[in-house]
């Protein structure tokens, strides 16, 4: 099963998306966007740039676990991962985004 983007509308009227792997697990969560078109542009960026290593930045959460962010060329964070139990698991998460994003379909889910 291929990955997919789920486009959501939040309770405050803003928009965000999740990239899910073929198994349904969320592998990337976007920032909030003021407009649906902004979120769609974010999805397009992820699709086009997922394979580019320079757009990924690894970070450490307050609990000490690693996670990654996907950043635009201007440094703006487009999305972030869950936290991982190890660096190896984090690297697998990045590879999953690289594999799933380019051909992922977009599904609108409405309110989240």
N, C-alpha and C. Protein backbone atom coordinates (compact mmCIF):
# COMPACT_ATOMS: atom_id res chain seq x y z
N UNK A 1 0.85 -1.19 0.00
CA UNK A 1 0.00 0.00 0.00
C UNK A 1 0.89 1.25 0.00
N UNK A 2 0.58 2.19 -0.87
CA UNK A 2 1.38 3.41 -0.99
C UNK A 2 1.05 4.39 0.13
N UNK A 3 1.97 5.32 0.33
CA UNK A 3 1.75 6.37 1.31
C UNK A 3 0.70 7.35 0.82
N UNK A 4 0.20 8.18 1.76
CA UNK A 4 -0.77 9.20 1.37
C UNK A 4 -0.66 10.41 2.29
N UNK A 5 -1.04 11.54 1.74
CA UNK A 5 -1.16 12.77 2.51
C UNK A 5 -2.62 12.89 2.91
N UNK A 6 -2.86 13.19 4.17
CA UNK A 6 -4.21 13.48 4.63
C UNK A 6 -4.25 14.96 4.98
N UNK A 7 -5.13 15.70 4.31
CA UNK A 7 -5.30 17.13 4.51
C UNK A 7 -6.46 17.34 5.48
N UNK A 8 -6.19 18.02 6.58
CA UNK A 8 -7.18 18.22 7.64
C UNK A 8 -7.50 19.71 7.83
N UNK A 9 -8.69 19.97 8.33
CA UNK A 9 -9.07 21.29 8.79
C UNK A 9 -9.17 21.22 10.31
N UNK A 10 -8.45 22.09 11.01
CA UNK A 10 -8.47 22.07 12.47
C UNK A 10 -9.72 22.78 12.99
N UNK A 11 -9.98 22.64 14.28
CA UNK A 11 -11.16 23.25 14.88
C UNK A 11 -11.11 24.78 14.82
N UNK A 12 -9.91 25.35 14.66
CA UNK A 12 -9.79 26.80 14.58
C UNK A 12 -9.81 27.30 13.13
N UNK A 13 -10.12 26.42 12.18
CA UNK A 13 -10.24 26.80 10.78
C UNK A 13 -8.94 26.80 10.00
N UNK A 14 -7.84 26.45 10.65
CA UNK A 14 -6.56 26.37 9.94
C UNK A 14 -6.42 24.98 9.33
N UNK A 15 -5.38 24.81 8.53
CA UNK A 15 -5.19 23.57 7.78
C UNK A 15 -3.83 22.96 8.11
N UNK A 16 -3.78 21.62 8.07
CA UNK A 16 -2.53 20.90 8.27
C UNK A 16 -2.64 19.57 7.56
N UNK A 17 -1.48 18.91 7.43
CA UNK A 17 -1.51 17.59 6.79
C UNK A 17 -0.61 16.61 7.54
N UNK A 18 -0.92 15.35 7.32
CA UNK A 18 -0.08 14.25 7.77
C UNK A 18 0.35 13.47 6.54
N UNK A 19 1.59 13.03 6.54
CA UNK A 19 2.02 12.05 5.55
C UNK A 19 2.02 10.71 6.28
N UNK A 20 1.28 9.78 5.71
CA UNK A 20 1.21 8.44 6.31
C UNK A 20 1.89 7.43 5.42
N UNK A 21 2.60 6.50 6.04
CA UNK A 21 3.21 5.40 5.32
C UNK A 21 2.11 4.42 4.88
N UNK A 22 2.48 3.47 4.06
CA UNK A 22 1.53 2.48 3.58
C UNK A 22 0.84 1.71 4.68
N UNK A 23 1.49 1.60 5.85
CA UNK A 23 0.88 0.87 6.97
C UNK A 23 -0.03 1.76 7.81
N UNK A 24 -0.20 3.03 7.40
CA UNK A 24 -1.09 3.93 8.11
C UNK A 24 -0.43 4.76 9.20
N UNK A 25 0.84 4.52 9.46
CA UNK A 25 1.54 5.26 10.51
C UNK A 25 1.89 6.66 10.01
N UNK A 26 1.66 7.67 10.85
CA UNK A 26 2.04 9.04 10.52
C UNK A 26 3.55 9.15 10.57
N UNK A 27 4.15 9.61 9.46
CA UNK A 27 5.60 9.75 9.41
C UNK A 27 6.04 11.20 9.32
N UNK A 28 5.10 12.11 9.05
CA UNK A 28 5.41 13.54 9.02
C UNK A 28 4.12 14.31 9.29
N UNK A 29 4.20 15.28 10.20
CA UNK A 29 3.06 16.15 10.52
C UNK A 29 3.44 17.58 10.19
N UNK A 30 2.57 18.27 9.48
CA UNK A 30 2.89 19.63 9.06
C UNK A 30 2.64 20.64 10.17
N UNK A 31 3.11 21.84 9.90
CA UNK A 31 2.77 23.00 10.70
C UNK A 31 1.35 23.41 10.31
N UNK A 32 0.77 24.36 11.03
CA UNK A 32 -0.55 24.89 10.69
C UNK A 32 -0.43 25.93 9.58
N UNK A 33 -1.39 25.92 8.70
CA UNK A 33 -1.45 26.87 7.59
C UNK A 33 -2.75 27.67 7.71
N UNK A 34 -2.69 28.94 7.33
CA UNK A 34 -3.86 29.80 7.37
C UNK A 34 -4.88 29.43 6.30
N UNK A 35 -4.41 28.89 5.18
CA UNK A 35 -5.30 28.57 4.06
C UNK A 35 -5.09 27.15 3.58
N UNK A 36 -6.12 26.63 2.92
CA UNK A 36 -6.01 25.31 2.31
C UNK A 36 -4.93 25.31 1.24
N UNK A 37 -4.86 26.38 0.45
CA UNK A 37 -3.84 26.43 -0.61
C UNK A 37 -2.44 26.44 0.00
N UNK A 38 -2.27 27.06 1.16
CA UNK A 38 -0.97 27.03 1.83
C UNK A 38 -0.58 25.61 2.21
N UNK A 39 -1.54 24.85 2.74
CA UNK A 39 -1.27 23.45 3.09
C UNK A 39 -0.97 22.62 1.84
N UNK A 40 -1.71 22.89 0.77
CA UNK A 40 -1.46 22.18 -0.49
C UNK A 40 -0.07 22.50 -1.03
N UNK A 41 0.35 23.75 -0.89
CA UNK A 41 1.71 24.11 -1.30
C UNK A 41 2.74 23.38 -0.44
N UNK A 42 2.46 23.22 0.86
CA UNK A 42 3.34 22.46 1.73
C UNK A 42 3.46 21.01 1.29
N UNK A 43 2.33 20.41 0.94
CA UNK A 43 2.34 19.03 0.43
C UNK A 43 3.18 18.95 -0.84
N UNK A 44 2.98 19.91 -1.74
CA UNK A 44 3.75 19.92 -2.99
C UNK A 44 5.25 20.02 -2.70
N UNK A 45 5.62 20.86 -1.74
CA UNK A 45 7.03 20.99 -1.38
C UNK A 45 7.57 19.64 -0.89
N UNK A 46 6.83 18.97 -0.02
CA UNK A 46 7.29 17.68 0.50
C UNK A 46 7.45 16.68 -0.63
N UNK A 47 6.48 16.62 -1.53
CA UNK A 47 6.56 15.69 -2.66
C UNK A 47 7.81 15.93 -3.50
N UNK A 48 8.11 17.22 -3.78
CA UNK A 48 9.22 17.56 -4.66
C UNK A 48 10.58 17.49 -3.97
N UNK A 49 10.62 17.66 -2.66
CA UNK A 49 11.91 17.80 -1.97
C UNK A 49 12.22 16.70 -0.95
N UNK A 50 11.36 15.71 -0.85
CA UNK A 50 11.56 14.66 0.16
C UNK A 50 12.90 13.94 0.01
N UNK A 51 13.39 13.81 -1.20
CA UNK A 51 14.62 13.05 -1.43
C UNK A 51 15.90 13.86 -1.16
N UNK A 52 15.76 15.15 -0.88
CA UNK A 52 16.93 16.01 -0.73
C UNK A 52 17.37 16.05 0.74
N UNK A 53 18.48 15.42 1.01
CA UNK A 53 18.99 15.28 2.38
C UNK A 53 19.15 16.62 3.10
N UNK A 54 19.54 17.66 2.37
CA UNK A 54 19.80 18.97 2.98
C UNK A 54 18.55 19.59 3.61
N UNK A 55 17.36 19.12 3.26
CA UNK A 55 16.13 19.67 3.83
C UNK A 55 15.76 19.05 5.18
N UNK A 56 16.50 18.03 5.61
CA UNK A 56 16.23 17.37 6.89
C UNK A 56 17.16 17.90 7.96
N UNK A 57 16.62 18.09 9.13
CA UNK A 57 17.42 18.48 10.29
C UNK A 57 17.01 17.61 11.46
N UNK A 58 17.98 16.98 12.10
CA UNK A 58 17.67 16.16 13.27
C UNK A 58 17.76 17.04 14.52
N UNK A 59 16.86 16.76 15.44
CA UNK A 59 16.78 17.51 16.69
C UNK A 59 16.55 16.54 17.83
N UNK A 60 16.62 17.07 19.05
CA UNK A 60 16.37 16.26 20.23
C UNK A 60 15.22 16.87 21.01
N UNK A 61 14.23 16.06 21.33
CA UNK A 61 13.07 16.52 22.09
C UNK A 61 13.45 16.71 23.56
N UNK A 62 12.58 17.34 24.31
CA UNK A 62 12.86 17.60 25.73
C UNK A 62 13.03 16.32 26.53
N UNK A 63 12.47 15.20 26.03
CA UNK A 63 12.62 13.92 26.72
C UNK A 63 13.90 13.18 26.31
N UNK A 64 14.71 13.83 25.46
CA UNK A 64 15.97 13.24 25.04
C UNK A 64 15.89 12.38 23.79
N UNK A 65 14.69 12.17 23.26
CA UNK A 65 14.53 11.32 22.08
C UNK A 65 14.73 12.14 20.80
N UNK A 66 15.33 11.53 19.78
CA UNK A 66 15.55 12.25 18.52
C UNK A 66 14.28 12.33 17.67
N UNK A 67 14.20 13.39 16.88
CA UNK A 67 13.16 13.55 15.86
C UNK A 67 13.76 14.37 14.73
N UNK A 68 13.03 14.50 13.63
CA UNK A 68 13.54 15.31 12.53
C UNK A 68 12.49 16.29 12.08
N UNK A 69 12.96 17.35 11.43
CA UNK A 69 12.09 18.31 10.77
C UNK A 69 12.49 18.36 9.30
N UNK A 70 11.53 18.68 8.48
CA UNK A 70 11.76 18.91 7.05
C UNK A 70 11.60 20.41 6.85
N UNK A 71 12.64 21.03 6.31
CA UNK A 71 12.67 22.49 6.20
C UNK A 71 12.71 22.95 4.75
N UNK A 72 12.07 24.09 4.51
CA UNK A 72 12.13 24.73 3.19
C UNK A 72 13.49 25.39 3.04
N UNK A 73 13.78 25.84 1.84
CA UNK A 73 15.05 26.49 1.56
C UNK A 73 15.30 27.73 2.40
N UNK A 74 14.21 28.40 2.84
CA UNK A 74 14.35 29.59 3.67
C UNK A 74 14.47 29.27 5.16
N UNK A 75 14.53 27.97 5.49
CA UNK A 75 14.68 27.54 6.87
C UNK A 75 13.37 27.31 7.60
N UNK A 76 12.24 27.62 6.97
CA UNK A 76 10.94 27.43 7.60
C UNK A 76 10.64 25.93 7.72
N UNK A 77 10.17 25.51 8.89
CA UNK A 77 9.81 24.12 9.11
C UNK A 77 8.49 23.82 8.41
N UNK A 78 8.51 22.82 7.54
CA UNK A 78 7.31 22.38 6.83
C UNK A 78 6.59 21.30 7.63
N UNK A 79 7.37 20.40 8.23
CA UNK A 79 6.77 19.32 9.01
C UNK A 79 7.79 18.70 9.94
N UNK A 80 7.27 17.94 10.90
CA UNK A 80 8.14 17.26 11.84
C UNK A 80 7.67 15.83 12.06
N UNK A 81 8.60 15.01 12.51
CA UNK A 81 8.32 13.60 12.76
C UNK A 81 7.88 13.40 14.19
N UNK A 82 7.54 12.17 14.49
CA UNK A 82 7.36 11.76 15.87
C UNK A 82 8.75 11.65 16.49
N UNK A 83 8.81 11.40 17.79
CA UNK A 83 10.11 11.13 18.40
C UNK A 83 10.40 9.64 18.24
N UNK A 84 11.69 9.33 18.21
CA UNK A 84 12.13 7.96 17.99
C UNK A 84 12.96 7.48 19.18
N UNK A 85 13.03 6.18 19.33
CA UNK A 85 13.76 5.59 20.45
C UNK A 85 15.26 5.51 20.18
N UNK A 86 15.66 5.68 18.92
CA UNK A 86 17.08 5.58 18.59
C UNK A 86 17.36 6.36 17.31
N UNK A 87 18.63 6.63 17.08
CA UNK A 87 19.05 7.29 15.85
C UNK A 87 18.75 6.41 14.63
N UNK A 88 18.91 5.11 14.77
CA UNK A 88 18.62 4.20 13.66
C UNK A 88 17.14 4.26 13.28
N UNK A 89 16.26 4.32 14.28
CA UNK A 89 14.83 4.42 14.00
C UNK A 89 14.51 5.76 13.33
N UNK A 90 15.17 6.82 13.76
CA UNK A 90 15.00 8.13 13.14
C UNK A 90 15.41 8.08 11.67
N UNK A 91 16.54 7.48 11.39
CA UNK A 91 17.01 7.36 10.01
C UNK A 91 16.02 6.56 9.16
N UNK A 92 15.40 5.54 9.74
CA UNK A 92 14.37 4.78 9.03
C UNK A 92 13.16 5.66 8.73
N UNK A 93 12.83 6.55 9.68
CA UNK A 93 11.72 7.47 9.47
C UNK A 93 11.98 8.42 8.32
N UNK A 94 13.19 8.95 8.24
CA UNK A 94 13.55 9.84 7.12
C UNK A 94 13.47 9.08 5.81
N UNK A 95 13.98 7.85 5.79
CA UNK A 95 13.90 7.05 4.56
C UNK A 95 12.46 6.77 4.17
N UNK A 96 11.60 6.60 5.15
CA UNK A 96 10.18 6.36 4.86
C UNK A 96 9.55 7.58 4.21
N UNK A 97 9.89 8.79 4.68
CA UNK A 97 9.38 10.00 4.04
C UNK A 97 9.90 10.08 2.61
N UNK A 98 11.18 9.82 2.43
CA UNK A 98 11.78 9.87 1.09
C UNK A 98 11.10 8.89 0.14
N UNK A 99 10.73 7.73 0.63
CA UNK A 99 10.11 6.68 -0.18
C UNK A 99 8.64 6.97 -0.46
N UNK A 100 7.91 7.41 0.56
CA UNK A 100 6.45 7.54 0.45
C UNK A 100 5.97 8.87 -0.14
N UNK A 101 6.66 9.96 0.12
CA UNK A 101 6.13 11.28 -0.25
C UNK A 101 5.99 11.53 -1.75
N UNK A 102 6.99 11.21 -2.57
CA UNK A 102 6.90 11.63 -3.98
C UNK A 102 5.65 11.16 -4.72
N UNK A 103 5.17 9.96 -4.45
CA UNK A 103 4.02 9.41 -5.18
C UNK A 103 2.76 9.30 -4.34
N UNK A 104 2.78 9.90 -3.15
CA UNK A 104 1.62 9.78 -2.25
C UNK A 104 0.43 10.54 -2.81
N UNK A 105 -0.73 9.95 -2.69
CA UNK A 105 -1.97 10.62 -3.08
C UNK A 105 -2.41 11.56 -1.96
N UNK A 106 -3.31 12.47 -2.28
CA UNK A 106 -3.80 13.42 -1.28
C UNK A 106 -5.27 13.10 -1.01
N UNK A 107 -5.59 12.94 0.27
CA UNK A 107 -6.97 12.68 0.68
C UNK A 107 -7.39 13.78 1.65
N UNK A 108 -8.52 14.42 1.36
CA UNK A 108 -9.05 15.41 2.29
C UNK A 108 -9.92 14.70 3.31
N UNK A 109 -9.69 15.02 4.57
CA UNK A 109 -10.44 14.34 5.62
C UNK A 109 -11.41 15.24 6.32
N UNK A 110 -11.39 16.55 6.06
CA UNK A 110 -12.28 17.47 6.74
C UNK A 110 -11.76 17.83 8.11
N UNK A 111 -12.66 18.07 9.03
CA UNK A 111 -12.29 18.51 10.38
C UNK A 111 -11.55 17.41 11.12
N UNK A 112 -10.56 17.83 11.88
CA UNK A 112 -9.78 16.88 12.68
C UNK A 112 -10.08 17.09 14.15
